[in-house]
Amino acid sequence: MSVHVVDKCLMVGDRTPHQARRVSDDAWVVSYLRGRMLTTEQAAAAIQAADTVALMNDLAAHVGLTALEAIGLAVNERPWEKALPRQLLGGRHRR
């Protein structure tokens, strides 16, 4: 995921239809944050966040969840107390 700046006045991401538009020297507005003025760094972070949400939608769909459901469960559910022994994982660490 990366942010692309087009003609020094538009930021777009790889996965999201959201955009940031430059409105002055270091002021940007982002399509999903209407009414807020952001710095260049903040606007780039906002586009990266939107790209991450698009990725989360894709990943969550693979397990039958929405992105909001997957994020909510990952944040609120407690992990197992101990890591599983390597023998149960087939001798390899899986990510």
N, C-alpha and C. Protein backbone atom coordinates (compact mmCIF):
# COMPACT_ATOMS: atom_id res chain seq x y z
N MET A 1 0.84 -1.17 0.00
CA MET A 1 0.00 0.00 0.00
C MET A 1 0.88 1.24 0.00
N SER A 2 0.61 2.09 -0.94
CA SER A 2 1.37 3.33 -0.96
C SER A 2 0.47 4.48 -1.38
N VAL A 3 0.93 5.67 -1.06
CA VAL A 3 0.20 6.88 -1.41
C VAL A 3 0.92 7.52 -2.58
N HIS A 4 0.16 7.91 -3.56
CA HIS A 4 0.71 8.55 -4.75
C HIS A 4 0.23 10.00 -4.80
N VAL A 5 1.15 10.92 -5.07
CA VAL A 5 0.80 12.33 -5.22
C VAL A 5 0.79 12.63 -6.71
N VAL A 6 -0.33 13.17 -7.17
CA VAL A 6 -0.51 13.47 -8.59
C VAL A 6 -0.50 14.98 -8.77
N ASP A 7 0.42 15.48 -9.59
CA ASP A 7 0.51 16.91 -9.90
C ASP A 7 0.57 17.80 -8.66
N LYS A 8 1.16 17.32 -7.57
CA LYS A 8 1.33 18.06 -6.32
C LYS A 8 0.01 18.56 -5.71
N CYS A 9 -1.12 18.04 -6.20
CA CYS A 9 -2.39 18.56 -5.68
C CYS A 9 -3.40 17.47 -5.34
N LEU A 10 -3.08 16.21 -5.58
CA LEU A 10 -4.01 15.12 -5.33
C LEU A 10 -3.25 13.93 -4.77
N MET A 11 -3.79 13.30 -3.72
CA MET A 11 -3.21 12.06 -3.17
C MET A 11 -4.21 10.95 -3.37
N VAL A 12 -3.72 9.82 -3.82
CA VAL A 12 -4.56 8.63 -3.99
C VAL A 12 -3.82 7.43 -3.42
N GLY A 13 -4.56 6.39 -3.09
CA GLY A 13 -3.98 5.15 -2.60
C GLY A 13 -4.09 4.05 -3.63
N ASP A 14 -3.56 2.90 -3.29
CA ASP A 14 -3.60 1.74 -4.19
C ASP A 14 -4.93 1.00 -4.16
N ARG A 15 -5.64 1.02 -3.02
CA ARG A 15 -6.82 0.19 -2.84
C ARG A 15 -8.10 0.96 -2.63
N THR A 16 -8.03 2.22 -2.30
CA THR A 16 -9.22 2.97 -1.91
C THR A 16 -9.62 3.99 -2.97
N PRO A 17 -10.90 4.26 -3.09
CA PRO A 17 -11.33 5.34 -3.98
C PRO A 17 -11.23 6.72 -3.31
N HIS A 18 -10.94 6.76 -2.01
CA HIS A 18 -10.82 8.05 -1.32
C HIS A 18 -9.59 8.81 -1.81
N GLN A 19 -9.68 10.13 -1.73
CA GLN A 19 -8.62 11.00 -2.21
C GLN A 19 -8.38 12.13 -1.22
N ALA A 20 -7.21 12.73 -1.34
CA ALA A 20 -6.92 13.97 -0.62
C ALA A 20 -6.60 15.03 -1.67
N ARG A 21 -7.13 16.23 -1.45
CA ARG A 21 -6.87 17.33 -2.38
C ARG A 21 -6.19 18.47 -1.64
N ARG A 22 -5.20 19.02 -2.28
CA ARG A 22 -4.45 20.14 -1.70
C ARG A 22 -5.27 21.42 -1.87
N VAL A 23 -5.40 22.18 -0.79
CA VAL A 23 -6.17 23.42 -0.86
C VAL A 23 -5.30 24.66 -0.60
N SER A 24 -4.09 24.47 -0.08
CA SER A 24 -3.11 25.55 0.06
C SER A 24 -1.74 24.92 0.27
N ASP A 25 -0.73 25.72 0.63
CA ASP A 25 0.64 25.22 0.71
C ASP A 25 0.77 23.91 1.49
N ASP A 26 0.31 23.89 2.72
CA ASP A 26 0.39 22.65 3.51
C ASP A 26 -0.96 22.35 4.13
N ALA A 27 -2.00 22.44 3.33
CA ALA A 27 -3.35 22.13 3.81
C ALA A 27 -4.04 21.24 2.78
N TRP A 28 -4.58 20.15 3.28
CA TRP A 28 -5.25 19.16 2.44
C TRP A 28 -6.61 18.84 3.04
N VAL A 29 -7.54 18.44 2.19
CA VAL A 29 -8.81 17.89 2.65
C VAL A 29 -8.91 16.47 2.10
N VAL A 30 -9.49 15.59 2.89
CA VAL A 30 -9.61 14.18 2.53
C VAL A 30 -11.09 13.87 2.34
N SER A 31 -11.40 13.09 1.33
CA SER A 31 -12.80 12.85 0.95
C SER A 31 -13.65 12.29 2.08
N TYR A 32 -13.08 11.52 2.99
CA TYR A 32 -13.90 10.98 4.07
C TYR A 32 -13.75 11.75 5.38
N LEU A 33 -12.99 12.83 5.36
CA LEU A 33 -12.81 13.68 6.53
C LEU A 33 -13.21 15.12 6.18
N ARG A 34 -14.34 15.26 5.58
CA ARG A 34 -14.78 16.58 5.11
C ARG A 34 -14.85 17.57 6.26
N GLY A 35 -14.46 18.79 5.97
CA GLY A 35 -14.50 19.83 6.97
C GLY A 35 -13.23 19.95 7.79
N ARG A 36 -12.29 19.04 7.60
CA ARG A 36 -11.03 19.08 8.35
C ARG A 36 -9.91 19.49 7.41
N MET A 37 -9.02 20.33 7.90
CA MET A 37 -7.82 20.71 7.17
C MET A 37 -6.66 19.92 7.77
N LEU A 38 -5.92 19.22 6.94
CA LEU A 38 -4.82 18.37 7.40
C LEU A 38 -3.51 18.81 6.79
N THR A 39 -2.42 18.49 7.48
CA THR A 39 -1.09 18.70 6.90
C THR A 39 -0.86 17.62 5.84
N THR A 40 0.21 17.79 5.09
CA THR A 40 0.56 16.79 4.07
C THR A 40 0.76 15.42 4.72
N GLU A 41 1.47 15.40 5.84
CA GLU A 41 1.73 14.13 6.54
C GLU A 41 0.42 13.50 7.04
N GLN A 42 -0.46 14.30 7.58
CA GLN A 42 -1.75 13.79 8.06
C GLN A 42 -2.61 13.27 6.91
N ALA A 43 -2.62 13.98 5.80
CA ALA A 43 -3.41 13.55 4.64
C ALA A 43 -2.89 12.21 4.11
N ALA A 44 -1.57 12.07 4.05
CA ALA A 44 -0.99 10.80 3.59
C ALA A 44 -1.37 9.67 4.55
N ALA A 45 -1.35 9.94 5.85
CA ALA A 45 -1.75 8.92 6.84
C ALA A 45 -3.22 8.56 6.67
N ALA A 46 -4.06 9.54 6.37
CA ALA A 46 -5.49 9.28 6.18
C ALA A 46 -5.73 8.40 4.95
N ILE A 47 -4.99 8.64 3.89
CA ILE A 47 -5.13 7.80 2.69
C ILE A 47 -4.60 6.40 2.97
N GLN A 48 -3.51 6.27 3.72
CA GLN A 48 -3.01 4.95 4.10
C GLN A 48 -4.03 4.22 4.97
N ALA A 49 -4.69 4.94 5.87
CA ALA A 49 -5.71 4.32 6.71
C ALA A 49 -6.86 3.80 5.85
N ALA A 50 -7.29 4.59 4.87
CA ALA A 50 -8.37 4.15 3.98
C ALA A 50 -7.94 2.93 3.17
N ASP A 51 -6.68 2.90 2.72
CA ASP A 51 -6.16 1.73 2.02
C ASP A 51 -6.18 0.51 2.94
N THR A 52 -5.83 0.69 4.21
CA THR A 52 -5.82 -0.40 5.17
C THR A 52 -7.23 -0.94 5.39
N VAL A 53 -8.21 -0.06 5.44
CA VAL A 53 -9.60 -0.49 5.59
C VAL A 53 -10.01 -1.34 4.38
N ALA A 54 -9.63 -0.91 3.18
CA ALA A 54 -9.95 -1.70 1.99
C ALA A 54 -9.32 -3.08 2.06
N LEU A 55 -8.07 -3.14 2.52
CA LEU A 55 -7.40 -4.44 2.70
C LEU A 55 -8.12 -5.27 3.75
N MET A 56 -8.50 -4.65 4.86
CA MET A 56 -9.24 -5.37 5.91
C MET A 56 -10.55 -5.93 5.38
N ASN A 57 -11.25 -5.18 4.54
CA ASN A 57 -12.48 -5.69 3.94
C ASN A 57 -12.21 -6.97 3.17
N ASP A 58 -11.14 -6.98 2.38
CA ASP A 58 -10.79 -8.17 1.59
C ASP A 58 -10.44 -9.35 2.50
N LEU A 59 -9.59 -9.11 3.50
CA LEU A 59 -9.17 -10.19 4.39
C LEU A 59 -10.33 -10.73 5.22
N ALA A 60 -11.13 -9.84 5.77
CA ALA A 60 -12.25 -10.27 6.61
C ALA A 60 -13.27 -11.08 5.81
N ALA A 61 -13.47 -10.72 4.56
CA ALA A 61 -14.42 -11.45 3.72
C ALA A 61 -14.01 -12.91 3.55
N HIS A 62 -12.72 -13.19 3.60
CA HIS A 62 -12.23 -14.57 3.48
C HIS A 62 -12.66 -15.45 4.65
N VAL A 63 -12.98 -14.84 5.79
CA VAL A 63 -13.43 -15.62 6.95
C VAL A 63 -14.89 -15.31 7.28
N GLY A 64 -15.60 -14.73 6.32
CA GLY A 64 -17.04 -14.50 6.49
C GLY A 64 -17.40 -13.36 7.42
N LEU A 65 -16.51 -12.38 7.56
CA LEU A 65 -16.77 -11.24 8.43
C LEU A 65 -16.68 -9.94 7.65
N THR A 66 -17.24 -8.89 8.22
CA THR A 66 -16.98 -7.55 7.69
C THR A 66 -15.70 -7.04 8.35
N ALA A 67 -15.14 -5.99 7.80
CA ALA A 67 -13.94 -5.41 8.40
C ALA A 67 -14.21 -4.94 9.83
N LEU A 68 -15.37 -4.33 10.04
CA LEU A 68 -15.70 -3.87 11.40
C LEU A 68 -15.81 -5.03 12.38
N GLU A 69 -16.40 -6.14 11.94
CA GLU A 69 -16.50 -7.31 12.82
C GLU A 69 -15.12 -7.86 13.14
N ALA A 70 -14.27 -7.99 12.13
CA ALA A 70 -12.93 -8.54 12.34
C ALA A 70 -12.11 -7.65 13.26
N ILE A 71 -12.17 -6.36 13.04
CA ILE A 71 -11.41 -5.44 13.89
C ILE A 71 -11.95 -5.47 15.32
N GLY A 72 -13.26 -5.46 15.47
CA GLY A 72 -13.86 -5.51 16.80
C GLY A 72 -13.47 -6.76 17.56
N LEU A 73 -13.51 -7.90 16.88
CA LEU A 73 -13.13 -9.15 17.54
C LEU A 73 -11.64 -9.17 17.88
N ALA A 74 -10.79 -8.71 16.96
CA ALA A 74 -9.35 -8.72 17.21
C ALA A 74 -8.98 -7.79 18.36
N VAL A 75 -9.70 -6.69 18.52
CA VAL A 75 -9.42 -5.74 19.58
C VAL A 75 -9.98 -6.21 20.92
N ASN A 76 -11.18 -6.78 20.91
CA ASN A 76 -11.89 -7.07 22.16
C ASN A 76 -11.72 -8.49 22.70
N GLU A 77 -11.43 -9.45 21.86
CA GLU A 77 -11.28 -10.83 22.33
C GLU A 77 -9.88 -11.05 22.87
N ARG A 78 -9.80 -11.72 24.00
CA ARG A 78 -8.50 -12.00 24.60
C ARG A 78 -7.79 -13.11 23.84
N PRO A 79 -6.48 -12.99 23.66
CA PRO A 79 -5.73 -14.08 23.01
C PRO A 79 -5.59 -15.25 23.98
N TRP A 80 -5.19 -16.41 23.46
CA TRP A 80 -4.92 -17.54 24.32
C TRP A 80 -3.81 -17.16 25.28
N GLU A 81 -3.79 -17.78 26.44
CA GLU A 81 -2.82 -17.44 27.47
C GLU A 81 -1.39 -17.78 27.07
N LYS A 82 -1.20 -18.93 26.45
CA LYS A 82 0.15 -19.35 26.07
C LYS A 82 0.16 -19.69 24.60
N ALA A 83 1.33 -19.52 23.99
CA ALA A 83 1.50 -19.91 22.59
C ALA A 83 1.41 -21.43 22.49
N LEU A 84 0.91 -21.91 21.39
CA LEU A 84 0.84 -23.36 21.17
C LEU A 84 2.24 -23.92 20.95
N PRO A 85 2.49 -25.14 21.45
CA PRO A 85 3.80 -25.77 21.21
C PRO A 85 4.04 -25.94 19.71
N ARG A 86 5.29 -25.86 19.33
CA ARG A 86 5.62 -25.98 17.90
C ARG A 86 5.15 -27.30 17.29
N GLN A 87 5.09 -28.37 18.09
CA GLN A 87 4.66 -29.66 17.54
C GLN A 87 3.22 -29.57 17.02
N LEU A 88 2.39 -28.80 17.68
CA LEU A 88 1.00 -28.66 17.25
C LEU A 88 0.87 -27.81 16.00
N LEU A 89 1.89 -27.03 15.69
CA LEU A 89 1.87 -26.20 14.49
C LEU A 89 2.62 -26.85 13.34
N GLY A 90 2.93 -28.11 13.48
CA GLY A 90 3.64 -28.82 12.42
C GLY A 90 5.12 -28.48 12.36
N GLY A 91 5.69 -28.03 13.48
CA GLY A 91 7.10 -27.74 13.53
C GLY A 91 7.48 -26.39 12.94
N ARG A 92 6.50 -25.64 12.43
CA ARG A 92 6.79 -24.34 11.82
C ARG A 92 5.98 -23.27 12.52
N HIS A 93 6.51 -22.08 12.50
CA HIS A 93 5.77 -20.93 13.01
C HIS A 93 4.93 -20.37 11.85
N ARG A 94 3.66 -20.23 12.08
CA ARG A 94 2.79 -19.71 11.03
C ARG A 94 2.38 -18.30 11.36
N ARG A 95 2.23 -17.48 10.35
CA ARG A 95 1.76 -16.11 10.52
C ARG A 95 0.42 -15.94 9.92
